[in-house]
Amino acid sequence: MQVSIARITELTGVSKRRVYAYKKTAIQRGYDPAVDSKILLKYVEDAPKSGRPIKATNEVKSQVVQVLKKNSTTRQLSTLAISQIVAKIGTVISARTVWNILNSLGYSPCKPTTKPGLTTEAKALRLKWCLEHAHWTLEDWKNVIWSDETSVTMGSQRGRIRVWRLSSEAYQHHCVRHRWKGFKEFMFWGCFSYDKKGPCHIWEEETKKEKKEADKWLNVRNEEFEPIKKLEWELTTGMRRLRATRNNPGKKPTWKWNKDNGKLERNSKGGIDWYRYHRVILEKKLIPFAKECQKDRPKTIIQDDNASAHRHWYHEHMFDIWKVEKLLWPPNSPDLNAIEPPWFYMKKLHLKHS
């Protein structure tokens, strides 16, 4: 049954001219309407086109990915370096071809994920901590106050910045990075619990007045603690000498009021040390917030990492006085801290509105 050209156009929406062209092409390829009225697909499908052959074959793509995924060093190679390695294997391709291949496979240049470096001892302590808290329920975690500091840069941005855009989008709002004369960098401290947002603090440089006040505060506290620490030293030293089976070599130990025996000193050259953390954060912000949380959750516990400014013996002494419990924390484990993910979103929100 033959169908008229007009009927074909009506059914398919293809113009008469195009239908005639298809029929002409079919006849040139061996179609004979006297033998069979059906035009087979092979008579009208696109023929192989002339031009430069495609180099990005499946084999070449496999070679590019193999080079890229070899180790951590090859992950950082440029497209030019990858093309040179692939050329040594036997296929000469350009850096642009490598870029197109990686892009088609879903790869894109990104900042490497940061992971804390861990020693064998640190890994063991992390595992121990996780096993000890594996049975904690949501109600247990609701009692924890999470706290930490993060570095903030205003008026600039750290690291290499990349945006995906068209050539016509150079001045599109989302493709523009504002540059200001000068920028400010500071440390930001914050805390929160399950259902309460805690206080925060922006660290500024310590003034001369604050340093003088610190010296006075240290003198008062050292006068108070020296007799206490001396008594502890005498008891510890006396017990150690009683357990000795023979006389220890050297001079008989004598009391010295120094840092090793508990004297409060500040050795840091500016920045955030144990004293500033205690006076600014613990006394005025974190402990009062913990006391407020204890009204609704008597088992409130403070999470505090092992930064040098956080683990001074004086902090432990004051935690005992304030009757606030502190969550034991494994070393070098920021990824376990619930406050780490919000930092990213807070900085992202800041950039969005800057």
Protein backbone atom coordinates (compact mmCIF):
# COMPACT_ATOMS: atom_id res chain seq x y z
CA MET A 1 0.00 0.00 0.00
CA GLN A 2 1.53 3.24 -1.14
CA VAL A 3 0.90 6.46 0.76
CA SER A 4 0.85 9.76 -1.03
CA ILE A 5 3.42 12.45 -0.31
CA ALA A 6 0.68 14.75 0.93
CA ARG A 7 -0.53 12.08 3.37
CA ILE A 8 3.01 11.53 4.70
CA THR A 9 3.41 15.27 5.26
CA GLU A 10 0.08 15.35 7.06
CA LEU A 11 0.98 12.45 9.34
CA THR A 12 4.58 13.38 10.13
CA GLY A 13 4.74 17.13 9.73
CA VAL A 14 7.78 16.75 7.45
CA SER A 15 7.72 19.05 4.44
CA LYS A 16 7.13 17.64 0.95
CA ARG A 17 10.57 18.82 -0.08
CA ARG A 18 12.18 16.83 2.70
CA VAL A 19 10.13 13.73 1.86
CA TYR A 20 11.26 13.90 -1.76
CA ALA A 21 14.86 14.32 -0.56
CA TYR A 22 14.58 11.19 1.62
CA LYS A 23 13.16 9.22 -1.34
CA LYS A 24 15.95 10.44 -3.64
CA THR A 25 18.61 9.44 -1.10
CA ALA A 26 17.00 6.01 -0.68
CA ILE A 27 16.97 5.39 -4.45
CA GLN A 28 20.66 6.37 -4.63
CA ARG A 29 21.42 3.76 -1.94
CA GLY A 30 19.59 0.91 -3.69
CA TYR A 31 15.93 1.41 -2.87
CA ASP A 32 13.62 0.10 -5.64
CA PRO A 33 9.93 1.02 -5.19
CA ALA A 34 8.97 -1.58 -7.84
CA VAL A 35 10.37 -4.37 -5.65
CA ASP A 36 9.40 -3.15 -2.18
CA SER A 37 7.42 -0.05 -1.28
CA LYS A 38 8.98 0.11 2.21
CA ILE A 39 11.97 2.43 2.63
CA LEU A 40 14.37 0.81 5.12
CA LEU A 41 16.24 2.87 7.74
CA LYS A 42 19.61 2.11 6.16
CA TYR A 43 18.49 3.97 3.05
CA VAL A 44 17.91 7.29 4.82
CA GLU A 45 20.06 7.36 8.01
CA ASP A 46 22.99 9.78 8.17
CA ALA A 47 26.08 8.54 6.42
CA PRO A 48 29.52 8.78 8.00
CA LYS A 49 30.75 12.36 7.78
CA SER A 50 34.16 13.46 6.69
CA GLY A 51 36.36 15.55 8.98
CA ARG A 52 38.68 15.13 11.90
CA PRO A 53 38.20 11.76 13.64
CA ILE A 54 37.10 11.78 17.28
CA LYS A 55 40.02 11.17 19.64
CA ALA A 56 37.99 10.95 22.82
CA THR A 57 37.20 7.27 22.38
CA ASN A 58 36.24 5.06 25.30
CA GLU A 59 39.80 3.73 25.38
CA VAL A 60 41.27 7.22 25.59
CA LYS A 61 38.79 8.20 28.29
CA SER A 62 39.84 5.13 30.26
CA GLN A 63 43.51 6.12 29.93
CA VAL A 64 42.83 9.67 31.13
CA VAL A 65 40.90 8.45 34.19
CA GLN A 66 43.57 5.84 34.93
CA VAL A 67 46.28 8.52 34.96
CA LEU A 68 44.16 10.86 37.08
CA LYS A 69 43.26 8.26 39.73
CA LYS A 70 46.73 6.77 40.12
CA ASN A 71 47.57 8.58 43.40
CA SER A 72 47.13 11.83 45.30
CA THR A 73 49.84 13.56 43.23
CA THR A 74 48.19 12.79 39.89
CA ARG A 75 44.90 14.13 41.26
CA GLN A 76 46.56 17.56 41.33
CA LEU A 77 47.98 17.45 37.79
CA SER A 78 46.95 20.00 35.20
CA THR A 79 45.16 18.90 32.03
CA LEU A 80 48.38 19.62 30.10
CA ALA A 81 50.41 17.31 32.34
CA ILE A 82 47.79 14.56 32.00
CA SER A 83 47.80 14.90 28.20
CA GLN A 84 51.59 14.51 28.18
CA ILE A 85 51.41 11.31 30.25
CA VAL A 86 48.66 9.88 28.04
CA ALA A 87 50.80 10.73 24.97
CA LYS A 88 53.58 8.55 26.35
CA ILE A 89 51.11 5.67 26.58
CA GLY A 90 50.42 6.02 22.86
CA THR A 91 47.57 8.51 22.28
CA VAL A 92 48.38 12.14 21.49
CA ILE A 93 45.63 14.42 22.79
CA SER A 94 45.51 18.08 23.75
CA ALA A 95 44.95 19.59 27.18
CA ARG A 96 41.54 20.80 25.97
CA THR A 97 40.57 17.25 25.03
CA VAL A 98 41.54 16.09 28.51
CA TRP A 99 39.43 18.88 29.98
CA ASN A 100 36.44 17.90 27.82
CA ILE A 101 36.81 14.23 28.75
CA LEU A 102 36.96 14.93 32.48
CA ASN A 103 34.09 17.38 32.24
CA SER A 104 31.92 14.86 30.36
CA LEU A 105 32.62 12.25 33.02
CA GLY A 106 31.56 14.59 35.83
CA TYR A 107 35.00 15.64 37.10
CA SER A 108 35.57 19.27 38.09
CA PRO A 109 38.42 21.16 39.82
CA CYS A 110 37.65 21.40 43.53
CA LYS A 111 39.49 22.16 46.74
CA PRO A 112 40.75 18.95 48.42
CA THR A 113 38.82 17.73 51.42
CA THR A 114 40.63 18.51 54.68
CA LYS A 115 41.21 15.61 57.04
CA PRO A 116 43.02 15.80 60.39
CA GLY A 117 46.37 14.06 60.54
CA LEU A 118 46.28 11.28 63.12
CA THR A 119 49.00 9.27 64.82
CA THR A 120 48.45 5.65 65.86
CA GLU A 121 47.87 6.81 69.43
CA ALA A 122 45.36 9.45 68.31
CA LYS A 123 43.47 6.88 66.24
CA ALA A 124 43.26 4.58 69.25
CA LEU A 125 41.94 7.39 71.46
CA ARG A 126 39.35 8.37 68.84
CA LEU A 127 38.16 4.79 68.56
CA LYS A 128 37.99 4.47 72.34
CA TRP A 129 35.99 7.71 72.58
CA CYS A 130 33.55 6.60 69.87
CA LEU A 131 33.00 3.21 71.49
CA GLU A 132 32.40 4.82 74.87
CA HIS A 133 29.74 7.12 73.39
CA ALA A 134 28.22 4.69 70.89
CA HIS A 135 25.33 3.92 73.28
CA TRP A 136 24.43 7.58 73.85
CA THR A 137 20.90 8.43 72.84
CA LEU A 138 19.61 11.69 71.38
CA GLU A 139 18.59 12.75 74.88
CA ASP A 140 22.19 12.32 76.03
CA TRP A 141 23.55 14.45 73.18
CA LYS A 142 20.98 17.15 73.92
CA ASN A 143 22.93 17.85 77.11
CA VAL A 144 26.13 18.77 75.23
CA ILE A 145 27.18 22.37 74.59
CA TRP A 146 29.32 22.46 71.45
CA SER A 147 31.95 25.19 71.18
CA ASP A 148 34.88 26.15 68.98
CA GLU A 149 36.73 28.97 67.17
CA THR A 150 37.08 29.60 63.47
CA SER A 151 39.13 32.04 61.41
CA VAL A 152 37.15 34.66 59.47
CA THR A 153 38.44 36.93 56.70
CA MET A 154 36.39 39.99 55.73
CA GLY A 155 37.03 41.90 52.51
CA SER A 156 38.92 38.99 50.96
CA GLN A 157 38.81 35.23 50.62
CA ARG A 158 41.42 32.58 51.20
CA GLY A 159 42.55 30.15 48.56
CA ARG A 160 42.12 30.01 44.81
CA ILE A 161 38.65 30.99 43.62
CA ARG A 162 37.05 29.42 40.56
CA VAL A 163 33.66 30.04 38.92
CA TRP A 164 32.02 28.28 36.01
CA ARG A 165 30.67 30.84 33.53
CA LEU A 166 30.16 31.66 29.86
CA SER A 167 32.31 34.25 28.13
CA SER A 168 29.31 36.58 28.12
CA GLU A 169 28.87 36.28 31.89
CA ALA A 170 32.07 38.04 32.98
CA TYR A 171 30.10 40.73 34.82
CA GLN A 172 27.18 38.59 35.90
CA HIS A 173 26.47 39.13 39.63
CA HIS A 174 27.35 35.60 40.71
CA CYS A 175 30.59 35.66 38.67
CA VAL A 176 31.98 38.86 40.19
CA ARG A 177 34.30 38.90 43.20
CA HIS A 178 34.39 42.20 45.08
CA ARG A 179 37.85 43.42 46.04
CA TRP A 180 38.30 45.97 48.80
CA LYS A 181 41.28 48.02 49.88
CA GLY A 182 42.61 45.99 52.76
CA PHE A 183 40.80 43.27 54.68
CA LYS A 184 40.28 42.19 58.25
CA GLU A 185 41.03 38.74 59.64
CA PHE A 186 39.95 37.63 63.10
CA MET A 187 38.99 34.62 65.20
CA PHE A 188 35.33 34.02 65.95
CA TRP A 189 34.18 31.89 68.90
CA GLY A 190 30.68 30.50 69.30
CA CYS A 191 28.67 27.77 71.00
CA PHE A 192 25.25 26.15 70.97
CA SER A 193 23.31 23.27 72.47
CA TYR A 194 20.52 21.17 71.02
CA ASP A 195 17.79 23.78 71.37
CA LYS A 196 19.64 26.94 72.41
CA LYS A 197 21.96 29.29 70.60
CA GLY A 198 24.77 30.32 72.91
CA PRO A 199 26.83 33.52 73.06
CA CYS A 200 29.59 34.33 70.58
CA HIS A 201 32.72 36.45 70.62
CA ILE A 202 34.99 38.19 68.11
CA TRP A 203 38.58 38.20 69.26
CA GLU A 204 40.33 41.56 69.03
CA GLU A 205 43.97 42.36 69.74
CA GLU A 206 44.74 42.68 73.42
CA THR A 207 45.18 46.29 74.54
CA LYS A 208 47.86 47.63 76.89
CA LYS A 209 45.22 48.23 79.52
CA GLU A 210 44.09 44.60 79.32
CA LYS A 211 47.69 43.38 79.62
CA LYS A 212 48.20 45.43 82.80
CA GLU A 213 44.97 44.04 84.25
CA ALA A 214 46.19 40.55 83.39
CA ASP A 215 49.44 41.08 85.30
CA LYS A 216 47.54 42.23 88.40
CA TRP A 217 45.14 39.27 88.15
CA LEU A 218 48.03 36.79 87.83
CA ASN A 219 49.84 38.25 90.86
CA VAL A 220 46.73 37.90 93.03
CA ARG A 221 46.04 34.33 91.88
CA ASN A 222 49.68 33.25 92.29
CA GLU A 223 49.76 34.53 95.89
CA GLU A 224 46.64 32.48 96.51
CA PHE A 225 47.87 29.29 94.83
CA GLU A 226 51.53 29.17 95.87
CA PRO A 227 50.96 27.67 99.37
CA ILE A 228 48.40 25.21 97.93
CA LYS A 229 50.73 24.05 95.16
CA LYS A 230 53.68 23.88 97.53
CA LEU A 231 51.76 21.56 99.85
CA GLU A 232 50.78 19.35 96.91
CA TRP A 233 54.42 19.27 95.77
CA GLU A 234 55.68 18.30 99.22
CA LEU A 235 53.15 15.47 99.51
CA THR A 236 53.93 14.15 96.02
CA THR A 237 57.70 14.43 96.48
CA GLY A 238 57.57 12.85 99.94
CA MET A 239 55.54 9.85 98.74
CA ARG A 240 57.90 9.37 95.80
CA ARG A 241 60.94 9.37 98.11
CA LEU A 242 59.28 6.86 100.46
CA ARG A 243 58.78 4.43 97.56
CA ALA A 244 62.42 4.74 96.45
CA THR A 245 64.55 1.67 97.27
CA ARG A 246 67.77 3.66 97.23
CA ASN A 247 68.84 7.26 97.35
CA ASN A 248 68.15 9.08 94.10
CA PRO A 249 71.25 10.61 92.50
CA GLY A 250 71.72 14.36 92.50
CA LYS A 251 70.64 17.06 94.88
CA LYS A 252 67.66 16.78 97.15
CA PRO A 253 64.66 18.34 95.39
CA THR A 254 63.78 21.83 96.57
CA TRP A 255 60.59 23.78 96.06
CA LYS A 256 60.56 26.32 93.26
CA TRP A 257 57.56 28.46 92.43
CA ASN A 258 57.57 28.20 88.65
CA LYS A 259 55.36 27.13 85.75
CA ASP A 260 56.25 23.44 86.16
CA ASN A 261 54.90 23.50 89.71
CA GLY A 262 51.70 25.36 88.85
CA LYS A 263 52.61 29.05 88.73
CA LEU A 264 50.28 30.94 86.44
CA GLU A 265 52.25 32.53 83.62
CA ARG A 266 51.61 33.91 80.17
CA ASN A 267 54.29 33.00 77.66
CA SER A 268 52.42 33.58 74.43
CA LYS A 269 53.20 36.65 72.33
CA GLY A 270 49.66 37.91 71.83
CA GLY A 271 46.85 35.88 70.38
CA ILE A 272 44.46 33.69 72.38
CA ASP A 273 46.10 32.02 75.36
CA TRP A 274 44.69 30.23 78.38
CA TYR A 275 44.27 33.47 80.34
CA ARG A 276 42.21 35.29 77.71
CA TYR A 277 40.15 32.17 77.06
CA HIS A 278 39.40 31.88 80.76
CA ARG A 279 38.66 35.54 81.42
CA VAL A 280 36.72 36.31 78.23
CA ILE A 281 35.07 33.03 77.25
CA LEU A 282 34.75 30.76 80.28
CA GLU A 283 33.94 33.36 82.94
CA LYS A 284 31.72 35.68 80.91
CA LYS A 285 30.14 33.50 78.23
CA LEU A 286 30.48 29.72 78.26
CA ILE A 287 30.01 28.99 81.98
CA PRO A 288 27.02 31.38 82.36
CA PHE A 289 25.45 29.76 79.30
CA ALA A 290 26.03 26.31 80.81
CA LYS A 291 24.38 27.43 84.05
CA GLU A 292 21.39 28.66 82.06
CA CYS A 293 21.15 25.31 80.22
CA GLN A 294 21.34 23.42 83.53
CA LYS A 295 17.96 24.90 84.51
CA ASP A 296 16.28 22.82 81.81
CA ARG A 297 18.93 20.10 81.50
CA PRO A 298 20.68 19.41 84.84
CA LYS A 299 23.12 17.04 83.10
CA THR A 300 24.50 19.75 80.82
CA ILE A 301 28.07 19.04 79.76
CA ILE A 302 30.54 21.29 77.89
CA GLN A 303 32.45 20.07 74.85
CA ASP A 304 35.85 21.72 74.60
CA ASP A 305 38.64 20.58 72.28
CA ASN A 306 42.29 20.06 73.20
CA ALA A 307 43.67 23.36 71.94
CA SER A 308 46.51 24.57 74.15
CA ALA A 309 44.44 27.56 75.31
CA HIS A 310 41.65 25.19 76.44
CA ARG A 311 43.51 22.56 78.45
CA HIS A 312 45.28 24.62 81.14
CA TRP A 313 45.06 23.18 84.64
CA TYR A 314 43.39 26.35 85.91
CA HIS A 315 40.38 25.68 83.69
CA GLU A 316 39.89 22.26 85.27
CA HIS A 317 40.12 23.86 88.70
CA MET A 318 37.41 26.38 87.85
CA PHE A 319 35.15 23.75 86.25
CA ASP A 320 35.20 21.94 89.60
CA ILE A 321 34.33 25.13 91.46
CA TRP A 322 31.51 26.00 89.07
CA LYS A 323 30.29 22.38 89.19
CA VAL A 324 30.09 22.05 85.43
CA GLU A 325 31.14 18.82 83.78
CA LYS A 326 33.45 18.80 80.75
CA LEU A 327 33.21 16.23 77.96
CA LEU A 328 36.47 14.34 77.50
CA TRP A 329 37.68 14.91 73.96
CA PRO A 330 40.05 12.87 71.72
CA PRO A 331 43.00 14.77 70.24
CA ASN A 332 42.88 16.29 66.76
CA SER A 333 39.22 15.49 66.17
CA PRO A 334 37.43 18.56 64.79
CA ASP A 335 35.35 16.30 62.53
CA LEU A 336 33.56 14.91 65.60
CA ASN A 337 32.50 18.39 66.71
CA ALA A 338 28.91 19.27 65.77
CA ILE A 339 29.82 22.96 65.47
CA GLU A 340 32.20 22.42 62.53
CA PRO A 341 29.53 22.08 59.76
CA PRO A 342 27.76 25.37 60.67
CA TRP A 343 30.98 27.35 60.14
CA PHE A 344 30.83 26.61 56.40
CA TYR A 345 27.24 27.78 56.05
CA MET A 346 27.83 30.90 58.15
CA LYS A 347 30.78 31.95 55.97
CA LYS A 348 28.84 31.10 52.82
CA LEU A 349 25.97 33.30 54.01
CA HIS A 350 28.44 36.10 54.76
CA LEU A 351 29.88 35.93 51.22
CA LYS A 352 26.38 35.91 49.74
CA HIS A 353 25.53 39.21 51.43
CA SER A 354 28.93 40.87 51.06
